[in-house]
């Protein structure tokens, strides 16, 4: 699952467009490395999001079910 979609599905960020913008502006890092929105999230990844002077950390325990388009 894409990083921006994961952040939205797990309700860490309310909208996918906001998650995408944060990723593209180098505000999201995975395992200490800045990643873009298209990064494929894996179980065990540690995600850090910087909002100004604040930082949110999150560890991926499981990836939510992704619905298939018909």
PDB file of N, CA and C in Angstrom:
ATOM      1  N   UNK A   1       0.850  -1.170   0.000  1.00  0.00           N
ATOM      2  CA  UNK A   1       0.000   0.000   0.000  1.00  0.00           C
ATOM      3  C   UNK A   1       0.899   1.237   0.000  1.00  0.00           C
ATOM      4  N   UNK A   2       0.497   2.244  -0.784  1.00  0.00           N
ATOM      5  CA  UNK A   2       1.260   3.487  -0.868  1.00  0.00           C
ATOM      6  C   UNK A   2       1.298   4.198   0.490  1.00  0.00           C
ATOM      7  N   UNK A   3       2.369   4.917   0.727  1.00  0.00           N
ATOM      8  CA  UNK A   3       2.548   5.620   1.993  1.00  0.00           C
ATOM      9  C   UNK A   3       1.437   6.636   2.245  1.00  0.00           C
ATOM     10  N   UNK A   4       1.085   7.435   1.256  1.00  0.00           N
ATOM     11  CA  UNK A   4       0.037   8.444   1.468  1.00  0.00           C
ATOM     12  C   UNK A   4      -1.320   7.802   1.748  1.00  0.00           C
ATOM     13  N   UNK A   5      -1.607   6.712   1.067  1.00  0.00           N
ATOM     14  CA  UNK A   5      -2.873   6.010   1.291  1.00  0.00           C
ATOM     15  C   UNK A   5      -2.879   5.353   2.674  1.00  0.00           C
ATOM     16  N   UNK A   6      -1.756   4.792   3.093  1.00  0.00           N
ATOM     17  CA  UNK A   6      -1.659   4.176   4.412  1.00  0.00           C
ATOM     18  C   UNK A   6      -1.929   5.206   5.509  1.00  0.00           C
ATOM     19  N   UNK A   7      -1.325   6.384   5.390  1.00  0.00           N
ATOM     20  CA  UNK A   7      -1.522   7.431   6.397  1.00  0.00           C
ATOM     21  C   UNK A   7      -2.984   7.838   6.497  1.00  0.00           C
ATOM     22  N   UNK A   8      -3.675   7.864   5.373  1.00  0.00           N
ATOM     23  CA  UNK A   8      -5.098   8.208   5.363  1.00  0.00           C
ATOM     24  C   UNK A   8      -5.950   7.070   5.912  1.00  0.00           C
ATOM     25  N   UNK A   9      -5.695   5.843   5.464  1.00  0.00           N
ATOM     26  CA  UNK A   9      -6.495   4.688   5.902  1.00  0.00           C
ATOM     27  C   UNK A   9      -6.360   4.431   7.405  1.00  0.00           C
ATOM     28  N   UNK A  10      -5.191   4.680   7.962  1.00  0.00           N
ATOM     29  CA  UNK A  10      -4.979   4.477   9.395  1.00  0.00           C
ATOM     30  C   UNK A  10      -5.417   5.691  10.209  1.00  0.00           C
ATOM     31  N   UNK A  11      -5.940   6.698   9.527  1.00  0.00           N
ATOM     32  CA  UNK A  11      -6.458   7.925  10.145  1.00  0.00           C
ATOM     33  C   UNK A  11      -5.398   8.694  10.921  1.00  0.00           C
ATOM     34  N   UNK A  12      -4.175   8.615  10.448  1.00  0.00           N
ATOM     35  CA  UNK A  12      -3.104   9.426  11.010  1.00  0.00           C
ATOM     36  C   UNK A  12      -3.231  10.834  10.442  1.00  0.00           C
ATOM     37  N   UNK A  13      -3.592  10.903   9.155  1.00  0.00           N
ATOM     38  CA  UNK A  13      -3.861  12.164   8.473  1.00  0.00           C
ATOM     39  C   UNK A  13      -5.250  12.040   7.858  1.00  0.00           C
ATOM     40  N   UNK A  14      -6.052  13.093   7.955  1.00  0.00           N
ATOM     41  CA  UNK A  14      -7.459  12.998   7.553  1.00  0.00           C
ATOM     42  C   UNK A  14      -7.684  12.869   6.059  1.00  0.00           C
ATOM     43  N   UNK A  15      -6.865  13.559   5.251  1.00  0.00           N
ATOM     44  CA  UNK A  15      -7.089  13.533   3.808  1.00  0.00           C
ATOM     45  C   UNK A  15      -5.840  13.061   3.078  1.00  0.00           C
ATOM     46  N   UNK A  16      -6.044  12.292   2.017  1.00  0.00           N
ATOM     47  CA  UNK A  16      -4.930  11.755   1.242  1.00  0.00           C
ATOM     48  C   UNK A  16      -4.141  12.863   0.551  1.00  0.00           C
ATOM     49  N   UNK A  17      -4.810  13.922   0.128  1.00  0.00           N
ATOM     50  CA  UNK A  17      -4.094  15.020  -0.522  1.00  0.00           C
ATOM     51  C   UNK A  17      -3.119  15.698   0.438  1.00  0.00           C
ATOM     52  N   UNK A  18      -3.506  15.798   1.701  1.00  0.00           N
ATOM     53  CA  UNK A  18      -2.616  16.371   2.717  1.00  0.00           C
ATOM     54  C   UNK A  18      -1.437  15.425   2.958  1.00  0.00           C
ATOM     55  N   UNK A  19      -1.710  14.139   3.035  1.00  0.00           N
ATOM     56  CA  UNK A  19      -0.641  13.156   3.212  1.00  0.00           C
ATOM     57  C   UNK A  19       0.324  13.196   2.031  1.00  0.00           C
ATOM     58  N   UNK A  20      -0.216  13.311   0.823  1.00  0.00           N
ATOM     59  CA  UNK A  20       0.608  13.388  -0.381  1.00  0.00           C
ATOM     60  C   UNK A  20       1.487  14.631  -0.354  1.00  0.00           C
ATOM     61  N   UNK A  21       0.927  15.761   0.043  1.00  0.00           N
ATOM     62  CA  UNK A  21       1.685  17.012   0.115  1.00  0.00           C
ATOM     63  C   UNK A  21       2.809  16.919   1.142  1.00  0.00           C
ATOM     64  N   UNK A  22       2.534  16.333   2.296  1.00  0.00           N
ATOM     65  CA  UNK A  22       3.576  16.170   3.313  1.00  0.00           C
ATOM     66  C   UNK A  22       4.715  15.293   2.797  1.00  0.00           C
ATOM     67  N   UNK A  23       4.367  14.212   2.110  1.00  0.00           N
ATOM     68  CA  UNK A  23       5.391  13.315   1.561  1.00  0.00           C
ATOM     69  C   UNK A  23       6.239  14.035   0.512  1.00  0.00           C
ATOM     70  N   UNK A  24       5.595  14.800  -0.351  1.00  0.00           N
ATOM     71  CA  UNK A  24       6.313  15.488  -1.422  1.00  0.00           C
ATOM     72  C   UNK A  24       7.161  16.653  -0.918  1.00  0.00           C
ATOM     73  N   UNK A  25       6.862  17.161   0.284  1.00  0.00           N
ATOM     74  CA  UNK A  25       7.642  18.252   0.872  1.00  0.00           C
ATOM     75  C   UNK A  25       8.642  17.750   1.903  1.00  0.00           C
ATOM     76  N   UNK A  26       8.989  16.461   1.826  1.00  0.00           N
ATOM     77  CA  UNK A  26      10.016  15.841   2.681  1.00  0.00           C
ATOM     78  C   UNK A  26       9.716  15.958   4.175  1.00  0.00           C
ATOM     79  N   UNK A  27       8.444  15.837   4.545  1.00  0.00           N
ATOM     80  CA  UNK A  27       8.038  15.897   5.950  1.00  0.00           C
ATOM     81  C   UNK A  27       7.800  14.513   6.539  1.00  0.00           C
ATOM     82  N   UNK A  28       7.865  13.454   5.713  1.00  0.00           N
ATOM     83  CA  UNK A  28       7.610  12.091   6.175  1.00  0.00           C
ATOM     84  C   UNK A  28       8.847  11.247   5.934  1.00  0.00           C
ATOM     85  N   UNK A  29       9.286  10.557   6.985  1.00  0.00           N
ATOM     86  CA  UNK A  29      10.420   9.652   6.832  1.00  0.00           C
ATOM     87  C   UNK A  29      10.025   8.258   7.307  1.00  0.00           C
ATOM     88  N   UNK A  30      10.608   7.257   6.672  1.00  0.00           N
ATOM     89  CA  UNK A  30      10.362   5.862   7.029  1.00  0.00           C
ATOM     90  C   UNK A  30      11.708   5.244   7.374  1.00  0.00           C
ATOM     91  N   UNK A  31      11.808   4.725   8.590  1.00  0.00           N
ATOM     92  CA  UNK A  31      13.053   4.134   9.086  1.00  0.00           C
ATOM     93  C   UNK A  31      14.215   5.107   8.974  1.00  0.00           C
ATOM     94  N   UNK A  32      13.947   6.402   9.223  1.00  0.00           N
ATOM     95  CA  UNK A  32      14.979   7.426   9.221  1.00  0.00           C
ATOM     96  C   UNK A  32      15.345   7.984   7.859  1.00  0.00           C
ATOM     97  N   UNK A  33      14.682   7.535   6.792  1.00  0.00           N
ATOM     98  CA  UNK A  33      14.963   7.995   5.432  1.00  0.00           C
ATOM     99  C   UNK A  33      13.711   8.675   4.877  1.00  0.00           C
ATOM    100  N   UNK A  34      13.874   9.878   4.328  1.00  0.00           N
ATOM    101  CA  UNK A  34      12.739  10.608   3.741  1.00  0.00           C
ATOM    102  C   UNK A  34      12.225   9.832   2.534  1.00  0.00           C
ATOM    103  N   UNK A  35      10.900   9.625   2.494  1.00  0.00           N
ATOM    104  CA  UNK A  35      10.269   8.875   1.399  1.00  0.00           C
ATOM    105  C   UNK A  35       9.181   9.707   0.745  1.00  0.00           C
ATOM    106  N   UNK A  36       8.895   9.404  -0.497  1.00  0.00           N
ATOM    107  CA  UNK A  36       7.829  10.062  -1.248  1.00  0.00           C
ATOM    108  C   UNK A  36       6.534   9.272  -1.083  1.00  0.00           C
ATOM    109  N   UNK A  37       5.433   9.819  -1.594  1.00  0.00           N
ATOM    110  CA  UNK A  37       4.096   9.249  -1.419  1.00  0.00           C
ATOM    111  C   UNK A  37       3.945   7.866  -2.029  1.00  0.00           C
ATOM    112  N   UNK A  38       4.722   7.541  -3.064  1.00  0.00           N
ATOM    113  CA  UNK A  38       4.565   6.260  -3.753  1.00  0.00           C
ATOM    114  C   UNK A  38       5.324   5.115  -3.085  1.00  0.00           C
ATOM    115  N   UNK A  39       6.003   5.369  -1.969  1.00  0.00           N
ATOM    116  CA  UNK A  39       6.727   4.320  -1.250  1.00  0.00           C
ATOM    117  C   UNK A  39       5.746   3.249  -0.772  1.00  0.00           C
ATOM    118  N   UNK A  40       6.088   1.976  -0.967  1.00  0.00           N
ATOM    119  CA  UNK A  40       5.232   0.864  -0.531  1.00  0.00           C
ATOM    120  C   UNK A  40       5.541   0.527   0.936  1.00  0.00           C
ATOM    121  N   UNK A  41       4.568   0.724   1.781  1.00  0.00           N
ATOM    122  CA  UNK A  41       4.708   0.491   3.220  1.00  0.00           C
ATOM    123  C   UNK A  41       4.787  -1.009   3.489  1.00  0.00           C
ATOM    124  N   UNK A  42       5.662  -1.399   4.424  1.00  0.00           N
ATOM    125  CA  UNK A  42       5.808  -2.800   4.812  1.00  0.00           C
ATOM    126  C   UNK A  42       5.654  -2.917   6.332  1.00  0.00           C
ATOM    127  N   UNK A  43       5.279  -4.088   6.784  1.00  0.00           N
ATOM    128  CA  UNK A  43       5.132  -4.345   8.215  1.00  0.00           C
ATOM    129  C   UNK A  43       6.496  -4.160   8.882  1.00  0.00           C
ATOM    130  N   UNK A  44       6.511  -3.446   9.994  1.00  0.00           N
ATOM    131  CA  UNK A  44       7.747  -3.194  10.722  1.00  0.00           C
ATOM    132  C   UNK A  44       8.348  -1.830  10.444  1.00  0.00           C
ATOM    133  N   UNK A  45       7.851  -1.114   9.442  1.00  0.00           N
ATOM    134  CA  UNK A  45       8.351   0.224   9.140  1.00  0.00           C
ATOM    135  C   UNK A  45       8.018   1.179  10.276  1.00  0.00           C
ATOM    136  N   UNK A  46       8.937   2.100  10.553  1.00  0.00           N
ATOM    137  CA  UNK A  46       8.708   3.147  11.543  1.00  0.00           C
ATOM    138  C   UNK A  46       8.577   4.469  10.783  1.00  0.00           C
ATOM    139  N   UNK A  47       7.395   5.080  10.879  1.00  0.00           N
ATOM    140  CA  UNK A  47       7.086   6.292  10.139  1.00  0.00           C
ATOM    141  C   UNK A  47       7.146   7.483  11.090  1.00  0.00           C
ATOM    142  N   UNK A  48       7.820   8.552  10.657  1.00  0.00           N
ATOM    143  CA  UNK A  48       7.887   9.798  11.424  1.00  0.00           C
ATOM    144  C   UNK A  48       7.359  10.922  10.541  1.00  0.00           C
ATOM    145  N   UNK A  49       6.434  11.727  11.092  1.00  0.00           N
ATOM    146  CA  UNK A  49       5.833  12.834  10.366  1.00  0.00           C
ATOM    147  C   UNK A  49       6.130  14.115  11.130  1.00  0.00           C
ATOM    148  N   UNK A  50       6.682  15.108  10.438  1.00  0.00           N
ATOM    149  CA  UNK A  50       7.007  16.396  11.061  1.00  0.00           C
ATOM    150  C   UNK A  50       5.955  17.433  10.699  1.00  0.00           C
ATOM    151  N   UNK A  51       5.334  18.005  11.723  1.00  0.00           N
ATOM    152  CA  UNK A  51       4.397  19.120  11.593  1.00  0.00           C
ATOM    153  C   UNK A  51       5.041  20.314  12.292  1.00  0.00           C
ATOM    154  N   UNK A  52       5.687  21.179  11.569  1.00  0.00           N
ATOM    155  CA  UNK A  52       6.356  22.322  12.202  1.00  0.00           C
ATOM    156  C   UNK A  52       7.416  21.825  13.159  1.00  0.00           C
ATOM    157  N   UNK A  53       7.236  22.119  14.446  1.00  0.00           N
ATOM    158  CA  UNK A  53       8.199  21.667  15.453  1.00  0.00           C
ATOM    159  C   UNK A  53       7.776  20.348  16.109  1.00  0.00           C
ATOM    160  N   UNK A  54       6.597  19.862  15.795  1.00  0.00           N
ATOM    161  CA  UNK A  54       6.100  18.610  16.357  1.00  0.00           C
ATOM    162  C   UNK A  54       6.470  17.438  15.460  1.00  0.00           C
ATOM    163  N   UNK A  55       6.589  16.261  16.057  1.00  0.00           N
ATOM    164  CA  UNK A  55       6.853  15.052  15.283  1.00  0.00           C
ATOM    165  C   UNK A  55       5.986  13.919  15.812  1.00  0.00           C
ATOM    166  N   UNK A  56       5.323  13.235  14.878  1.00  0.00           N
ATOM    167  CA  UNK A  56       4.491  12.085  15.211  1.00  0.00           C
ATOM    168  C   UNK A  56       5.212  10.845  14.720  1.00  0.00           C
ATOM    169  N   UNK A  57       5.285   9.820  15.571  1.00  0.00           N
ATOM    170  CA  UNK A  57       5.898   8.563  15.143  1.00  0.00           C
ATOM    171  C   UNK A  57       4.847   7.462  15.176  1.00  0.00           C
ATOM    172  N   UNK A  58       5.011   6.522  14.260  1.00  0.00           N
ATOM    173  CA  UNK A  58       4.048   5.433  14.116  1.00  0.00           C
ATOM    174  C   UNK A  58       4.788   4.210  13.599  1.00  0.00           C
ATOM    175  N   UNK A  59       4.491   3.037  14.170  1.00  0.00           N
ATOM    176  CA  UNK A  59       5.077   1.790  13.682  1.00  0.00           C
ATOM    177  C   UNK A  59       3.995   0.969  12.990  1.00  0.00           C
ATOM    178  N   UNK A  60       4.314   0.453  11.815  1.00  0.00           N
ATOM    179  CA  UNK A  60       3.367  -0.338  11.033  1.00  0.00           C
ATOM    180  C   UNK A  60       3.326  -1.745  11.613  1.00  0.00           C
ATOM    181  N   UNK A  61       2.180  -2.114  12.165  1.00  0.00           N
ATOM    182  CA  UNK A  61       1.994  -3.460  12.720  1.00  0.00           C
ATOM    183  C   UNK A  61       1.346  -4.367  11.690  1.00  0.00           C
ATOM    184  N   UNK A  62       0.349  -3.820  10.977  1.00  0.00           N
ATOM    185  CA  UNK A  62      -0.275  -4.559   9.886  1.00  0.00           C
ATOM    186  C   UNK A  62      -0.786  -3.570   8.856  1.00  0.00           C
ATOM    187  N   UNK A  63      -0.922  -4.049   7.650  1.00  0.00           N
ATOM    188  CA  UNK A  63      -1.408  -3.209   6.564  1.00  0.00           C
ATOM    189  C   UNK A  63      -2.890  -3.508   6.382  1.00  0.00           C
ATOM    190  N   UNK A  64      -3.732  -2.469   6.391  1.00  0.00           N
ATOM    191  CA  UNK A  64      -5.168  -2.712   6.273  1.00  0.00           C
ATOM    192  C   UNK A  64      -5.536  -3.336   4.931  1.00  0.00           C
ATOM    193  N   UNK A  65      -6.668  -3.991   4.926  1.00  0.00           N
ATOM    194  CA  UNK A  65      -7.184  -4.625   3.719  1.00  0.00           C
ATOM    195  C   UNK A  65      -7.415  -3.569   2.658  1.00  0.00           C
ATOM    196  N   UNK A  66      -6.953  -3.825   1.453  1.00  0.00           N
ATOM    197  CA  UNK A  66      -7.120  -2.890   0.357  1.00  0.00           C
ATOM    198  C   UNK A  66      -8.224  -3.406  -0.564  1.00  0.00           C
ATOM    199  N   UNK A  67      -9.255  -2.585  -0.765  1.00  0.00           N
ATOM    200  CA  UNK A  67     -10.380  -2.986  -1.611  1.00  0.00           C
ATOM    201  C   UNK A  67      -9.956  -3.018  -3.079  1.00  0.00           C
ATOM    202  N   UNK A  68     -10.413  -4.019  -3.782  1.00  0.00           N
ATOM    203  CA  UNK A  68     -10.129  -4.150  -5.215  1.00  0.00           C
ATOM    204  C   UNK A  68     -11.206  -3.414  -5.994  1.00  0.00           C
ATOM    205  N   UNK A  69     -10.799  -2.690  -7.021  1.00  0.00           N
ATOM    206  CA  UNK A  69     -11.765  -2.012  -7.879  1.00  0.00           C
ATOM    207  C   UNK A  69     -12.348  -3.003  -8.858  1.00  0.00           C
ATOM    208  N   UNK A  70     -13.650  -2.858  -9.144  1.00  0.00           N
ATOM    209  CA  UNK A  70     -14.310  -3.769 -10.054  1.00  0.00           C
ATOM    210  C   UNK A  70     -14.130  -3.327 -11.482  1.00  0.00           C
TER     211      UNK A  70
END
